[in-house]
Amino acid sequence: EQLDAVTAVGLGLFCELGTGDVDFPAILAELKRMNYSGWIVVEQDVLPGMGSPKESAARNRAYIRSIGL
């Protein structure tokens, strides 16, 4: 299905880490299994209703710490 950005935002398709469909613990487990030792980069757009960028970053940081990063 194709969606424009406005519709996607309205549907909540952009969300903070741990609140969407991506299984981050499984990805992390696979990276560990592979002995990956490089960088892991997280990007988060802050949309209306998500609070300030600083608040969103703090929640995302707490989530990635909770899964062992």
N, C-alpha and C. Protein backbone atom coordinates (compact mmCIF):
# COMPACT_ATOMS: atom_id res chain seq x y z
N GLU A 1 0.85 -1.18 0.00
CA GLU A 1 0.00 0.00 0.00
C GLU A 1 0.89 1.24 0.00
N GLN A 2 0.54 2.21 -0.81
CA GLN A 2 1.30 3.45 -0.85
C GLN A 2 0.58 4.52 -0.05
N LEU A 3 1.35 5.22 0.77
CA LEU A 3 0.82 6.31 1.57
C LEU A 3 1.69 7.53 1.41
N ASP A 4 1.06 8.69 1.40
CA ASP A 4 1.85 9.91 1.42
C ASP A 4 2.25 10.17 2.88
N ALA A 5 3.21 11.07 3.07
CA ALA A 5 3.74 11.32 4.41
C ALA A 5 2.68 11.82 5.38
N VAL A 6 1.80 12.69 4.93
CA VAL A 6 0.76 13.24 5.81
C VAL A 6 -0.14 12.13 6.32
N THR A 7 -0.55 11.23 5.44
CA THR A 7 -1.41 10.11 5.84
C THR A 7 -0.66 9.18 6.79
N ALA A 8 0.60 8.90 6.49
CA ALA A 8 1.39 8.01 7.35
C ALA A 8 1.52 8.58 8.76
N VAL A 9 1.78 9.87 8.86
CA VAL A 9 1.87 10.51 10.17
C VAL A 9 0.54 10.41 10.90
N GLY A 10 -0.54 10.68 10.19
CA GLY A 10 -1.87 10.60 10.78
C GLY A 10 -2.22 9.21 11.29
N LEU A 11 -1.68 8.20 10.65
CA LEU A 11 -1.93 6.81 11.06
C LEU A 11 -0.98 6.34 12.17
N GLY A 12 -0.05 7.20 12.54
CA GLY A 12 0.89 6.84 13.59
C GLY A 12 1.96 5.87 13.16
N LEU A 13 2.31 5.86 11.87
CA LEU A 13 3.31 4.92 11.38
C LEU A 13 4.73 5.28 11.80
N PHE A 14 4.94 6.49 12.23
CA PHE A 14 6.24 6.90 12.76
C PHE A 14 6.07 6.96 14.28
N CYS A 15 6.87 6.20 14.99
CA CYS A 15 6.70 6.13 16.44
C CYS A 15 8.06 5.98 17.11
N GLU A 16 8.05 6.11 18.41
CA GLU A 16 9.29 5.97 19.16
C GLU A 16 9.71 4.50 19.22
N LEU A 17 10.97 4.30 19.52
CA LEU A 17 11.52 2.95 19.59
C LEU A 17 10.76 2.12 20.63
N GLY A 18 10.49 0.89 20.26
CA GLY A 18 9.81 -0.02 21.16
C GLY A 18 8.30 0.06 21.13
N THR A 19 7.75 1.00 20.36
CA THR A 19 6.29 1.13 20.31
C THR A 19 5.72 0.72 18.96
N GLY A 20 6.58 0.37 18.04
CA GLY A 20 6.12 -0.01 16.70
C GLY A 20 6.27 -1.50 16.45
N ASP A 21 6.38 -1.86 15.19
CA ASP A 21 6.43 -3.26 14.78
C ASP A 21 7.83 -3.87 14.72
N VAL A 22 8.86 -3.04 14.77
CA VAL A 22 10.23 -3.56 14.64
C VAL A 22 10.63 -4.29 15.92
N ASP A 23 11.12 -5.51 15.76
CA ASP A 23 11.55 -6.33 16.89
C ASP A 23 13.02 -6.05 17.19
N PHE A 24 13.27 -4.95 17.89
CA PHE A 24 14.64 -4.55 18.18
C PHE A 24 15.40 -5.58 19.01
N PRO A 25 14.79 -6.23 20.01
CA PRO A 25 15.55 -7.26 20.73
C PRO A 25 16.02 -8.39 19.81
N ALA A 26 15.22 -8.78 18.85
CA ALA A 26 15.63 -9.84 17.92
C ALA A 26 16.78 -9.37 17.03
N ILE A 27 16.72 -8.13 16.59
CA ILE A 27 17.80 -7.57 15.77
C ILE A 27 19.09 -7.53 16.59
N LEU A 28 18.99 -7.06 17.82
CA LEU A 28 20.16 -7.00 18.70
C LEU A 28 20.73 -8.40 18.94
N ALA A 29 19.86 -9.38 19.16
CA ALA A 29 20.32 -10.75 19.37
C ALA A 29 21.08 -11.27 18.15
N GLU A 30 20.58 -10.96 16.96
CA GLU A 30 21.26 -11.41 15.74
C GLU A 30 22.61 -10.71 15.58
N LEU A 31 22.67 -9.42 15.89
CA LEU A 31 23.95 -8.71 15.81
C LEU A 31 24.96 -9.32 16.79
N LYS A 32 24.49 -9.65 17.99
CA LYS A 32 25.38 -10.29 18.97
C LYS A 32 25.83 -11.66 18.47
N ARG A 33 24.91 -12.43 17.89
CA ARG A 33 25.24 -13.76 17.37
C ARG A 33 26.33 -13.66 16.31
N MET A 34 26.28 -12.59 15.52
CA MET A 34 27.25 -12.38 14.44
C MET A 34 28.54 -11.74 14.95
N ASN A 35 28.60 -11.45 16.25
CA ASN A 35 29.75 -10.75 16.84
C ASN A 35 29.97 -9.38 16.21
N TYR A 36 28.89 -8.71 15.87
CA TYR A 36 28.96 -7.38 15.28
C TYR A 36 29.56 -6.42 16.30
N SER A 37 30.50 -5.60 15.87
CA SER A 37 31.14 -4.67 16.80
C SER A 37 31.18 -3.24 16.25
N GLY A 38 30.39 -2.97 15.23
CA GLY A 38 30.38 -1.63 14.65
C GLY A 38 29.36 -0.71 15.30
N TRP A 39 29.13 0.36 14.63
CA TRP A 39 28.17 1.36 15.11
C TRP A 39 26.74 0.89 14.88
N ILE A 40 25.86 1.34 15.76
CA ILE A 40 24.42 1.20 15.58
C ILE A 40 23.87 2.61 15.67
N VAL A 41 23.17 3.05 14.65
CA VAL A 41 22.66 4.42 14.59
C VAL A 41 21.14 4.39 14.69
N VAL A 42 20.60 5.27 15.52
CA VAL A 42 19.16 5.40 15.70
C VAL A 42 18.76 6.80 15.26
N GLU A 43 17.76 6.86 14.41
CA GLU A 43 17.23 8.15 13.96
C GLU A 43 15.77 8.21 14.36
N GLN A 44 15.35 9.35 14.90
CA GLN A 44 13.97 9.50 15.33
C GLN A 44 13.45 10.87 14.91
N ASP A 45 12.42 10.87 14.09
CA ASP A 45 11.72 12.11 13.81
C ASP A 45 10.74 12.35 14.95
N VAL A 46 10.58 13.58 15.36
CA VAL A 46 9.64 13.91 16.42
C VAL A 46 8.44 14.58 15.77
N LEU A 47 7.32 13.94 15.93
CA LEU A 47 6.09 14.39 15.30
C LEU A 47 5.15 14.96 16.34
N PRO A 48 4.12 15.69 15.91
CA PRO A 48 3.16 16.22 16.87
C PRO A 48 2.62 15.12 17.77
N GLY A 49 2.53 15.43 19.06
CA GLY A 49 2.03 14.46 20.02
C GLY A 49 3.11 13.62 20.68
N MET A 50 4.35 13.76 20.23
CA MET A 50 5.44 12.96 20.78
C MET A 50 6.23 13.72 21.85
N GLY A 51 5.85 14.94 22.13
CA GLY A 51 6.61 15.75 23.06
C GLY A 51 7.75 16.45 22.36
N SER A 52 8.63 17.03 23.16
CA SER A 52 9.76 17.75 22.58
C SER A 52 10.81 16.76 22.08
N PRO A 53 11.70 17.22 21.20
CA PRO A 53 12.77 16.33 20.74
C PRO A 53 13.60 15.78 21.90
N LYS A 54 13.87 16.61 22.91
CA LYS A 54 14.66 16.16 24.05
C LYS A 54 13.92 15.07 24.83
N GLU A 55 12.61 15.23 25.02
CA GLU A 55 11.82 14.22 25.73
C GLU A 55 11.79 12.91 24.95
N SER A 56 11.59 13.02 23.64
CA SER A 56 11.55 11.83 22.80
C SER A 56 12.91 11.12 22.80
N ALA A 57 13.98 11.88 22.72
CA ALA A 57 15.32 11.29 22.75
C ALA A 57 15.57 10.57 24.08
N ALA A 58 15.10 11.15 25.18
CA ALA A 58 15.28 10.52 26.48
C ALA A 58 14.52 9.19 26.56
N ARG A 59 13.31 9.16 26.03
CA ARG A 59 12.54 7.91 26.03
C ARG A 59 13.21 6.86 25.14
N ASN A 60 13.69 7.30 23.98
CA ASN A 60 14.38 6.36 23.09
C ASN A 60 15.67 5.84 23.73
N ARG A 61 16.41 6.71 24.39
CA ARG A 61 17.63 6.29 25.07
C ARG A 61 17.30 5.27 26.16
N ALA A 62 16.25 5.53 26.92
CA ALA A 62 15.85 4.58 27.97
C ALA A 62 15.47 3.23 27.36
N TYR A 63 14.79 3.26 26.24
CA TYR A 63 14.41 2.00 25.60
C TYR A 63 15.63 1.22 25.13
N ILE A 64 16.55 1.88 24.43
CA ILE A 64 17.70 1.13 23.92
C ILE A 64 18.58 0.62 25.06
N ARG A 65 18.61 1.34 26.16
CA ARG A 65 19.34 0.83 27.33
C ARG A 65 18.62 -0.38 27.92
N SER A 66 17.29 -0.36 27.90
CA SER A 66 16.52 -1.47 28.49
C SER A 66 16.71 -2.77 27.72
N ILE A 67 17.12 -2.68 26.45
CA ILE A 67 17.34 -3.90 25.66
C ILE A 67 18.82 -4.24 25.55
N GLY A 68 19.63 -3.55 26.32
CA GLY A 68 21.03 -3.93 26.42
C GLY A 68 22.01 -3.19 25.54
N LEU A 69 21.63 -2.06 25.00
CA LEU A 69 22.57 -1.27 24.20
C LEU A 69 23.17 -0.16 25.03
